[in-house]
């Protein structure tokens, strides 16, 4: 096999392998919990941002429409979604939208390095011990959970979402 073909194959399989590893790591814990359902309040978690400041979900975002987006560096789908998240953030932040982009299981320095040059202005939070991922039943990335202004889970998206789909869902809650 040629190196080009091998490289393409490896690039295509990397997100799948990452999802399998996350599923193997997180699913036994998640399966023992009450499932997170649309209409439920979200699990309460506390996470640091890149500067080390803590955010408590849902307490610190009450009264806002909240997009909780779990992602990882090395996930090509996650990287492809970043411009859509940025567009959503710029369009709706002033109307009460909060985007909480949660990196799963990676060190602060690696996340900062990965984000350089990507033009991300929305807040990034760190879930280095994967506790939040377990609470939100993340078995692969990307995963998005959208809360209404009352702090109730309204949408759950496993996998990629287009900018148009995200805009439609957020608009329905504004």
N, C-alpha and C. Protein backbone atom coordinates (compact mmCIF):
# COMPACT_ATOMS: atom_id res chain seq x y z
N UNK A 1 0.83 -1.18 0.00
CA UNK A 1 0.00 0.00 0.00
C UNK A 1 0.87 1.25 0.00
N UNK A 2 0.42 2.26 -0.70
CA UNK A 2 1.18 3.49 -0.73
C UNK A 2 0.99 4.28 0.56
N UNK A 3 1.98 5.11 0.88
CA UNK A 3 1.93 5.91 2.11
C UNK A 3 0.75 6.87 2.10
N UNK A 4 0.43 7.43 0.93
CA UNK A 4 -0.70 8.36 0.84
C UNK A 4 -2.00 7.67 1.27
N UNK A 5 -2.18 6.47 0.78
CA UNK A 5 -3.39 5.72 1.11
C UNK A 5 -3.41 5.40 2.61
N UNK A 6 -2.27 5.00 3.14
CA UNK A 6 -2.19 4.69 4.57
C UNK A 6 -2.47 5.92 5.43
N UNK A 7 -1.93 7.06 5.01
CA UNK A 7 -2.17 8.29 5.76
C UNK A 7 -3.65 8.67 5.74
N UNK A 8 -4.29 8.56 4.58
CA UNK A 8 -5.71 8.87 4.48
C UNK A 8 -6.55 7.92 5.34
N UNK A 9 -6.18 6.66 5.30
CA UNK A 9 -6.89 5.67 6.10
C UNK A 9 -6.74 5.97 7.60
N UNK A 10 -5.52 6.30 8.01
CA UNK A 10 -5.27 6.62 9.42
C UNK A 10 -6.06 7.88 9.83
N UNK A 11 -6.07 8.89 8.97
CA UNK A 11 -6.80 10.13 9.27
C UNK A 11 -8.31 9.87 9.38
N UNK A 12 -8.81 8.98 8.54
CA UNK A 12 -10.24 8.65 8.58
C UNK A 12 -10.61 7.84 9.82
N UNK A 13 -9.71 7.00 10.27
CA UNK A 13 -10.00 6.13 11.41
C UNK A 13 -9.75 6.77 12.76
N UNK A 14 -8.96 7.84 12.82
CA UNK A 14 -8.61 8.46 14.10
C UNK A 14 -9.84 8.88 14.91
N UNK A 15 -10.82 9.61 14.34
CA UNK A 15 -11.99 9.97 15.15
C UNK A 15 -12.77 8.74 15.65
N UNK A 16 -12.87 7.73 14.80
CA UNK A 16 -13.56 6.50 15.20
C UNK A 16 -12.84 5.84 16.37
N UNK A 17 -11.53 5.76 16.29
CA UNK A 17 -10.75 5.15 17.37
C UNK A 17 -10.90 5.94 18.67
N UNK A 18 -10.90 7.26 18.57
CA UNK A 18 -11.08 8.10 19.76
C UNK A 18 -12.45 7.85 20.38
N UNK A 19 -13.47 7.72 19.53
CA UNK A 19 -14.82 7.46 20.04
C UNK A 19 -14.89 6.10 20.72
N UNK A 20 -14.23 5.10 20.15
CA UNK A 20 -14.22 3.76 20.75
C UNK A 20 -13.53 3.79 22.11
N UNK A 21 -12.41 4.50 22.20
CA UNK A 21 -11.69 4.60 23.47
C UNK A 21 -12.56 5.30 24.51
N UNK A 22 -13.19 6.43 24.12
CA UNK A 22 -14.07 7.13 25.05
C UNK A 22 -15.24 6.24 25.46
N UNK A 23 -15.81 5.52 24.52
CA UNK A 23 -16.94 4.64 24.84
C UNK A 23 -16.52 3.57 25.83
N UNK A 24 -15.37 3.01 25.64
CA UNK A 24 -14.88 1.98 26.56
C UNK A 24 -14.57 2.53 27.93
N UNK A 25 -14.14 3.77 27.98
CA UNK A 25 -13.79 4.40 29.25
C UNK A 25 -15.01 4.89 30.01
N UNK A 26 -15.97 5.45 29.29
CA UNK A 26 -17.07 6.14 29.95
C UNK A 26 -18.36 5.34 30.06
N UNK A 27 -18.66 4.46 29.14
CA UNK A 27 -19.98 3.85 29.12
C UNK A 27 -20.31 2.99 30.33
N UNK A 28 -19.38 2.25 30.95
CA UNK A 28 -19.78 1.48 32.13
C UNK A 28 -20.27 2.37 33.26
N UNK A 29 -19.66 3.53 33.42
CA UNK A 29 -20.09 4.45 34.48
C UNK A 29 -21.42 5.08 34.11
N UNK A 30 -21.54 5.53 32.88
CA UNK A 30 -22.76 6.20 32.45
C UNK A 30 -23.96 5.25 32.51
N UNK A 31 -23.76 3.98 32.21
CA UNK A 31 -24.89 3.06 32.18
C UNK A 31 -25.47 2.80 33.56
N UNK A 32 -24.73 3.05 34.61
CA UNK A 32 -25.21 2.84 35.98
C UNK A 32 -26.05 4.03 36.47
N UNK A 33 -26.08 5.11 35.75
CA UNK A 33 -26.81 6.32 36.15
C UNK A 33 -28.20 6.33 35.52
N UNK A 34 -29.03 7.22 36.07
CA UNK A 34 -30.31 7.47 35.43
C UNK A 34 -30.03 8.18 34.12
N UNK A 35 -30.59 7.71 33.02
CA UNK A 35 -30.30 8.33 31.72
C UNK A 35 -30.69 9.81 31.68
N UNK A 36 -29.90 10.59 30.99
CA UNK A 36 -30.19 12.01 30.78
C UNK A 36 -31.20 12.10 29.65
N UNK A 37 -32.36 12.63 29.97
CA UNK A 37 -33.44 12.69 28.98
C UNK A 37 -33.82 14.13 28.69
N UNK A 38 -34.35 14.34 27.49
CA UNK A 38 -34.93 15.63 27.15
C UNK A 38 -36.07 15.87 28.14
N UNK A 39 -36.11 17.07 28.70
CA UNK A 39 -37.11 17.43 29.69
C UNK A 39 -36.59 17.36 31.12
N UNK A 40 -35.40 16.78 31.29
CA UNK A 40 -34.77 16.67 32.61
C UNK A 40 -33.90 17.89 32.89
N UNK A 41 -33.64 18.17 34.16
CA UNK A 41 -32.60 19.16 34.48
C UNK A 41 -31.24 18.55 34.18
N UNK A 42 -30.26 19.36 33.85
CA UNK A 42 -28.93 18.81 33.54
C UNK A 42 -28.20 18.40 34.81
N UNK A 43 -27.25 17.49 34.69
CA UNK A 43 -26.42 17.16 35.85
C UNK A 43 -25.62 18.39 36.29
N UNK A 44 -25.44 18.54 37.58
CA UNK A 44 -24.66 19.65 38.12
C UNK A 44 -23.18 19.28 38.10
N UNK A 45 -22.38 20.12 37.45
CA UNK A 45 -20.93 19.92 37.40
C UNK A 45 -20.24 21.26 37.54
N UNK A 46 -18.99 21.24 37.94
CA UNK A 46 -18.17 22.43 38.05
C UNK A 46 -16.90 22.19 37.25
N UNK A 47 -16.57 23.13 36.36
CA UNK A 47 -15.43 22.97 35.47
C UNK A 47 -14.59 24.24 35.42
N UNK A 48 -13.26 24.10 35.28
CA UNK A 48 -12.42 25.28 35.09
C UNK A 48 -12.36 25.66 33.61
N UNK A 49 -12.21 26.97 33.37
CA UNK A 49 -11.94 27.41 32.00
C UNK A 49 -10.43 27.40 31.79
N UNK A 50 -9.99 27.87 30.64
CA UNK A 50 -8.55 27.83 30.33
C UNK A 50 -7.73 28.70 31.27
N UNK A 51 -8.35 29.71 31.88
CA UNK A 51 -7.64 30.58 32.82
C UNK A 51 -7.72 30.05 34.25
N UNK A 52 -8.47 28.98 34.47
CA UNK A 52 -8.59 28.39 35.80
C UNK A 52 -9.80 28.85 36.59
N UNK A 53 -10.63 29.72 36.02
CA UNK A 53 -11.85 30.17 36.70
C UNK A 53 -12.92 29.09 36.59
N UNK A 54 -13.64 28.88 37.66
CA UNK A 54 -14.62 27.80 37.72
C UNK A 54 -16.01 28.24 37.27
N UNK A 55 -16.70 27.33 36.59
CA UNK A 55 -18.08 27.54 36.17
C UNK A 55 -18.91 26.38 36.71
N UNK A 56 -20.05 26.71 37.31
CA UNK A 56 -20.97 25.69 37.81
C UNK A 56 -22.17 25.60 36.86
N UNK A 57 -22.35 24.42 36.31
CA UNK A 57 -23.50 24.16 35.44
C UNK A 57 -24.51 23.39 36.29
N UNK A 58 -25.74 23.80 36.34
CA UNK A 58 -26.42 24.85 35.60
C UNK A 58 -26.48 26.20 36.33
N UNK A 59 -26.04 26.27 37.57
CA UNK A 59 -26.23 27.47 38.41
C UNK A 59 -25.75 28.77 37.76
N UNK A 60 -24.56 28.75 37.17
CA UNK A 60 -23.96 29.99 36.66
C UNK A 60 -24.50 30.42 35.30
N UNK A 61 -25.37 29.62 34.70
CA UNK A 61 -25.90 29.97 33.37
C UNK A 61 -27.43 30.03 33.35
N UNK A 62 -28.03 30.09 34.52
CA UNK A 62 -29.50 30.18 34.59
C UNK A 62 -29.99 31.43 33.85
N UNK A 63 -31.12 31.28 33.18
CA UNK A 63 -31.70 32.40 32.45
C UNK A 63 -31.16 32.53 31.03
N UNK A 64 -30.24 31.66 30.65
CA UNK A 64 -29.67 31.70 29.30
C UNK A 64 -30.02 30.41 28.55
N UNK A 65 -30.04 30.50 27.24
CA UNK A 65 -30.05 29.30 26.41
C UNK A 65 -28.61 28.83 26.39
N UNK A 66 -28.38 27.55 26.67
CA UNK A 66 -27.02 27.05 26.85
C UNK A 66 -26.73 25.90 25.88
N UNK A 67 -25.65 26.05 25.12
CA UNK A 67 -25.16 24.97 24.27
C UNK A 67 -23.94 24.39 24.97
N UNK A 68 -24.07 23.15 25.43
CA UNK A 68 -22.96 22.44 26.07
C UNK A 68 -22.39 21.51 25.01
N UNK A 69 -21.16 21.78 24.63
CA UNK A 69 -20.56 21.06 23.50
C UNK A 69 -19.30 20.32 23.97
N UNK A 70 -19.35 19.00 23.98
CA UNK A 70 -18.20 18.17 24.35
C UNK A 70 -17.37 17.89 23.10
N UNK A 71 -16.05 18.08 23.22
CA UNK A 71 -15.16 17.92 22.07
C UNK A 71 -13.78 17.46 22.54
N UNK A 72 -12.95 17.09 21.57
CA UNK A 72 -11.57 16.71 21.86
C UNK A 72 -10.68 17.12 20.70
N UNK A 73 -9.45 17.51 21.03
CA UNK A 73 -8.46 17.78 19.99
C UNK A 73 -8.18 16.45 19.30
N UNK A 74 -7.99 16.46 18.02
CA UNK A 74 -7.77 15.22 17.29
C UNK A 74 -9.05 14.66 16.70
N UNK A 75 -10.18 15.24 17.07
CA UNK A 75 -11.48 14.83 16.52
C UNK A 75 -11.77 15.76 15.34
N UNK A 76 -11.71 15.23 14.13
CA UNK A 76 -11.88 16.09 12.96
C UNK A 76 -13.28 16.68 12.89
N UNK A 77 -14.29 15.93 13.29
CA UNK A 77 -15.66 16.46 13.30
C UNK A 77 -15.80 17.62 14.27
N UNK A 78 -15.12 17.50 15.41
CA UNK A 78 -15.16 18.58 16.41
C UNK A 78 -14.55 19.86 15.84
N UNK A 79 -13.44 19.70 15.16
CA UNK A 79 -12.75 20.86 14.58
C UNK A 79 -13.61 21.49 13.48
N UNK A 80 -14.29 20.64 12.70
CA UNK A 80 -15.15 21.15 11.63
C UNK A 80 -16.35 21.91 12.19
N UNK A 81 -16.79 21.58 13.41
CA UNK A 81 -17.92 22.26 14.03
C UNK A 81 -17.56 23.61 14.65
N UNK A 82 -16.29 23.84 14.90
CA UNK A 82 -15.88 25.06 15.60
C UNK A 82 -16.32 26.34 14.89
N UNK A 83 -16.22 26.45 13.57
CA UNK A 83 -16.72 27.68 12.92
C UNK A 83 -18.24 27.86 13.11
N UNK A 84 -18.99 26.76 13.12
CA UNK A 84 -20.44 26.85 13.33
C UNK A 84 -20.73 27.34 14.75
N UNK A 85 -19.99 26.83 15.72
CA UNK A 85 -20.17 27.27 17.11
C UNK A 85 -19.79 28.75 17.24
N UNK A 86 -18.72 29.14 16.58
CA UNK A 86 -18.28 30.55 16.63
C UNK A 86 -19.34 31.46 16.04
N UNK A 87 -19.89 31.07 14.90
CA UNK A 87 -20.94 31.86 14.25
C UNK A 87 -22.17 31.98 15.15
N UNK A 88 -22.57 30.89 15.75
CA UNK A 88 -23.70 30.87 16.67
C UNK A 88 -23.45 31.79 17.86
N UNK A 89 -22.26 31.70 18.41
CA UNK A 89 -21.88 32.51 19.57
C UNK A 89 -21.93 34.00 19.23
N UNK A 90 -21.35 34.38 18.10
CA UNK A 90 -21.34 35.80 17.72
C UNK A 90 -22.75 36.32 17.43
N UNK A 91 -23.58 35.46 16.85
CA UNK A 91 -24.92 35.88 16.47
C UNK A 91 -25.87 36.02 17.66
N UNK A 92 -25.76 35.12 18.65
CA UNK A 92 -26.75 35.06 19.71
C UNK A 92 -26.25 35.38 21.12
N UNK A 93 -24.99 35.62 21.31
CA UNK A 93 -24.46 35.89 22.65
C UNK A 93 -25.18 37.08 23.29
N UNK A 94 -25.39 38.12 22.54
CA UNK A 94 -26.02 39.33 23.10
C UNK A 94 -27.50 39.12 23.42
N UNK A 95 -28.07 38.03 22.91
CA UNK A 95 -29.49 37.72 23.18
C UNK A 95 -29.64 36.66 24.27
N UNK A 96 -28.54 36.33 24.96
CA UNK A 96 -28.65 35.41 26.08
C UNK A 96 -28.23 33.98 25.80
N UNK A 97 -27.36 33.78 24.81
CA UNK A 97 -26.84 32.44 24.53
C UNK A 97 -25.50 32.25 25.22
N UNK A 98 -25.32 31.11 25.84
CA UNK A 98 -24.02 30.73 26.39
C UNK A 98 -23.57 29.46 25.69
N UNK A 99 -22.35 29.47 25.18
CA UNK A 99 -21.75 28.25 24.63
C UNK A 99 -20.68 27.81 25.61
N UNK A 100 -20.80 26.57 26.05
CA UNK A 100 -19.83 25.97 26.96
C UNK A 100 -19.16 24.83 26.21
N UNK A 101 -18.01 25.11 25.64
CA UNK A 101 -17.27 24.09 24.89
C UNK A 101 -16.37 23.36 25.88
N UNK A 102 -16.64 22.08 26.08
CA UNK A 102 -15.95 21.31 27.11
C UNK A 102 -15.02 20.30 26.47
N UNK A 103 -13.72 20.52 26.67
CA UNK A 103 -12.73 19.57 26.17
C UNK A 103 -12.68 18.38 27.12
N UNK A 104 -12.73 17.19 26.56
CA UNK A 104 -12.78 15.97 27.37
C UNK A 104 -11.40 15.33 27.49
N UNK A 105 -10.88 15.33 28.72
CA UNK A 105 -9.73 14.51 29.07
C UNK A 105 -8.36 14.96 28.61
N UNK A 106 -8.20 16.20 28.18
CA UNK A 106 -6.90 16.62 27.69
C UNK A 106 -6.33 17.74 28.57
N UNK A 107 -5.00 17.81 28.68
CA UNK A 107 -4.37 18.82 29.54
C UNK A 107 -4.54 20.24 28.99
N UNK A 108 -4.58 21.19 29.91
CA UNK A 108 -4.76 22.61 29.58
C UNK A 108 -3.78 23.09 28.50
N UNK A 109 -2.50 22.77 28.65
CA UNK A 109 -1.49 23.24 27.68
C UNK A 109 -1.77 22.69 26.29
N UNK A 110 -2.17 21.44 26.20
CA UNK A 110 -2.46 20.84 24.90
C UNK A 110 -3.68 21.49 24.26
N UNK A 111 -4.69 21.79 25.06
CA UNK A 111 -5.90 22.43 24.55
C UNK A 111 -5.58 23.84 24.06
N UNK A 112 -4.83 24.60 24.85
CA UNK A 112 -4.44 25.96 24.44
C UNK A 112 -3.67 25.93 23.13
N UNK A 113 -2.73 25.02 23.02
CA UNK A 113 -1.93 24.90 21.81
C UNK A 113 -2.80 24.55 20.61
N UNK A 114 -3.71 23.62 20.79
CA UNK A 114 -4.60 23.18 19.72
C UNK A 114 -5.47 24.33 19.20
N UNK A 115 -5.93 25.18 20.10
CA UNK A 115 -6.86 26.25 19.74
C UNK A 115 -6.20 27.44 19.05
N UNK A 116 -4.87 27.55 19.14
CA UNK A 116 -4.17 28.69 18.53
C UNK A 116 -4.47 28.76 17.04
N UNK A 117 -4.88 29.92 16.60
CA UNK A 117 -5.12 30.14 15.18
C UNK A 117 -6.47 29.66 14.68
N UNK A 118 -7.32 29.11 15.55
CA UNK A 118 -8.62 28.61 15.11
C UNK A 118 -9.72 29.67 15.19
N UNK A 119 -9.43 30.82 15.80
CA UNK A 119 -10.40 31.91 15.85
C UNK A 119 -11.58 31.66 16.76
N UNK A 120 -11.36 30.92 17.83
CA UNK A 120 -12.43 30.61 18.78
C UNK A 120 -12.49 31.69 19.85
N UNK A 121 -13.65 32.36 19.99
CA UNK A 121 -13.79 33.38 21.02
C UNK A 121 -14.75 32.95 22.13
N UNK A 122 -15.49 31.87 21.92
CA UNK A 122 -16.39 31.39 22.97
C UNK A 122 -15.58 30.67 24.04
N UNK A 123 -16.13 30.56 25.26
CA UNK A 123 -15.36 29.98 26.36
C UNK A 123 -15.11 28.48 26.21
N UNK A 124 -13.92 28.09 26.63
CA UNK A 124 -13.51 26.68 26.61
C UNK A 124 -13.33 26.23 28.06
N UNK A 125 -13.89 25.09 28.37
CA UNK A 125 -13.77 24.51 29.71
C UNK A 125 -13.08 23.16 29.63
N UNK A 126 -12.48 22.76 30.74
CA UNK A 126 -11.68 21.53 30.78
C UNK A 126 -12.34 20.48 31.66
N UNK A 127 -12.47 19.30 31.11
CA UNK A 127 -12.99 18.14 31.85
C UNK A 127 -11.89 17.09 31.87
N UNK A 128 -10.80 17.41 32.55
CA UNK A 128 -9.62 16.55 32.52
C UNK A 128 -9.85 15.20 33.17
N UNK A 129 -10.71 15.14 34.18
CA UNK A 129 -10.97 13.84 34.83
C UNK A 129 -12.19 13.14 34.23
N UNK A 130 -12.78 13.69 33.21
CA UNK A 130 -13.94 13.18 32.46
C UNK A 130 -15.20 13.02 33.32
N UNK A 131 -15.25 13.64 34.47
CA UNK A 131 -16.44 13.55 35.32
C UNK A 131 -17.67 14.13 34.62
N UNK A 132 -17.53 15.31 34.02
CA UNK A 132 -18.66 15.92 33.33
C UNK A 132 -19.10 15.05 32.15
N UNK A 133 -18.14 14.50 31.43
CA UNK A 133 -18.48 13.62 30.31
C UNK A 133 -19.29 12.42 30.79
N UNK A 134 -18.90 11.85 31.92
CA UNK A 134 -19.66 10.72 32.47
C UNK A 134 -21.07 11.17 32.87
N UNK A 135 -21.17 12.31 33.54
CA UNK A 135 -22.47 12.81 33.98
C UNK A 135 -23.41 13.08 32.80
N UNK A 136 -22.85 13.55 31.69
CA UNK A 136 -23.64 13.87 30.51
C UNK A 136 -23.68 12.73 29.49
N UNK A 137 -23.21 11.54 29.91
CA UNK A 137 -23.27 10.32 29.10
C UNK A 137 -22.57 10.47 27.74
N UNK A 138 -21.41 11.07 27.76
CA UNK A 138 -20.64 11.22 26.54
C UNK A 138 -19.88 9.92 26.30
N UNK A 139 -20.22 9.25 25.21
CA UNK A 139 -19.52 8.01 24.84
C UNK A 139 -18.71 8.19 23.57
N UNK A 140 -18.75 9.38 23.03
CA UNK A 140 -17.99 9.75 21.84
C UNK A 140 -18.17 11.23 21.62
N UNK A 141 -17.25 11.83 20.90
CA UNK A 141 -17.34 13.26 20.61
C UNK A 141 -17.42 13.46 19.11
N UNK A 142 -18.06 14.52 18.69
CA UNK A 142 -18.72 15.56 19.47
C UNK A 142 -20.08 15.12 20.01
N UNK A 143 -20.46 15.72 21.12
CA UNK A 143 -21.81 15.58 21.68
C UNK A 143 -22.24 16.95 22.16
N UNK A 144 -23.48 17.30 21.86
CA UNK A 144 -24.02 18.60 22.22
C UNK A 144 -25.33 18.43 22.98
N UNK A 145 -25.46 19.16 24.06
CA UNK A 145 -26.69 19.19 24.85
C UNK A 145 -27.12 20.65 24.91
N UNK A 146 -28.38 20.92 24.61
CA UNK A 146 -28.87 22.30 24.61
C UNK A 146 -29.94 22.45 25.70
N UNK A 147 -29.74 23.46 26.55
CA UNK A 147 -30.66 23.76 27.65
C UNK A 147 -31.47 25.00 27.32
N UNK A 148 -32.71 25.02 27.79
CA UNK A 148 -33.51 26.23 27.63
C UNK A 148 -33.20 27.21 28.77
N UNK A 149 -33.87 28.35 28.78
CA UNK A 149 -33.60 29.39 29.78
C UNK A 149 -33.96 28.96 31.21
N UNK A 150 -34.77 27.93 31.33
CA UNK A 150 -35.13 27.41 32.65
C UNK A 150 -34.18 26.32 33.13
N UNK A 151 -33.15 26.05 32.35
CA UNK A 151 -32.18 25.04 32.74
C UNK A 151 -32.65 23.61 32.50
N UNK A 152 -33.50 23.42 31.51
CA UNK A 152 -34.03 22.10 31.19
C UNK A 152 -33.40 21.62 29.89
N UNK A 153 -33.02 20.33 29.83
CA UNK A 153 -32.46 19.75 28.61
C UNK A 153 -33.56 19.73 27.55
N UNK A 154 -33.30 20.38 26.43
CA UNK A 154 -34.27 20.41 25.32
C UNK A 154 -33.81 19.62 24.11
N UNK A 155 -32.50 19.54 23.89
CA UNK A 155 -31.98 18.79 22.74
C UNK A 155 -30.70 18.09 23.13
N UNK A 156 -30.51 16.90 22.54
CA UNK A 156 -29.24 16.16 22.67
C UNK A 156 -28.84 15.74 21.26
N UNK A 157 -27.59 16.03 20.91
CA UNK A 157 -27.09 15.70 19.58
C UNK A 157 -25.82 14.87 19.75
N UNK A 158 -25.83 13.65 19.25
CA UNK A 158 -24.63 12.82 19.26
C UNK A 158 -24.03 12.88 17.86
N UNK A 159 -22.81 13.35 17.77
CA UNK A 159 -22.17 13.51 16.47
C UNK A 159 -22.23 14.95 16.01
N UNK A 160 -21.85 15.17 14.77
CA UNK A 160 -21.75 16.52 14.22
C UNK A 160 -23.12 17.14 13.98
N UNK A 161 -23.14 18.46 14.05
CA UNK A 161 -24.34 19.22 13.72
C UNK A 161 -23.92 20.37 12.81
N UNK A 162 -24.76 20.67 11.84
CA UNK A 162 -24.46 21.77 10.93
C UNK A 162 -24.79 23.10 11.59
N UNK A 163 -24.24 24.16 11.03
CA UNK A 163 -24.54 25.50 11.53
C UNK A 163 -26.03 25.78 11.42
N UNK A 164 -26.64 25.35 10.31
CA UNK A 164 -28.07 25.59 10.11
C UNK A 164 -28.90 24.85 11.16
N UNK A 165 -28.55 23.61 11.45
CA UNK A 165 -29.30 22.84 12.45
C UNK A 165 -29.16 23.46 13.84
N UNK A 166 -27.94 23.84 14.21
CA UNK A 166 -27.72 24.47 15.52
C UNK A 166 -28.48 25.79 15.64
N UNK A 167 -28.44 26.59 14.58
CA UNK A 167 -29.15 27.87 14.58
C UNK A 167 -30.65 27.66 14.75
N UNK A 168 -31.19 26.67 14.06
CA UNK A 168 -32.63 26.39 14.16
C UNK A 168 -33.01 25.99 15.59
N UNK A 169 -32.21 25.11 16.20
CA UNK A 169 -32.51 24.66 17.56
C UNK A 169 -32.40 25.80 18.57
N UNK A 170 -31.33 26.59 18.46
CA UNK A 170 -31.13 27.71 19.39
C UNK A 170 -32.23 28.75 19.21
N UNK A 171 -32.55 29.07 17.97
CA UNK A 171 -33.60 30.06 17.68
C UNK A 171 -34.93 29.63 18.29
N UNK A 172 -35.21 28.33 18.28
CA UNK A 172 -36.48 27.85 18.83
C UNK A 172 -36.59 28.08 20.34
N UNK A 173 -35.46 28.32 21.00
CA UNK A 173 -35.45 28.51 22.45
C UNK A 173 -35.23 29.96 22.88
N UNK A 174 -34.97 30.85 21.92
CA UNK A 174 -34.68 32.25 22.26
C UNK A 174 -35.95 33.02 22.60
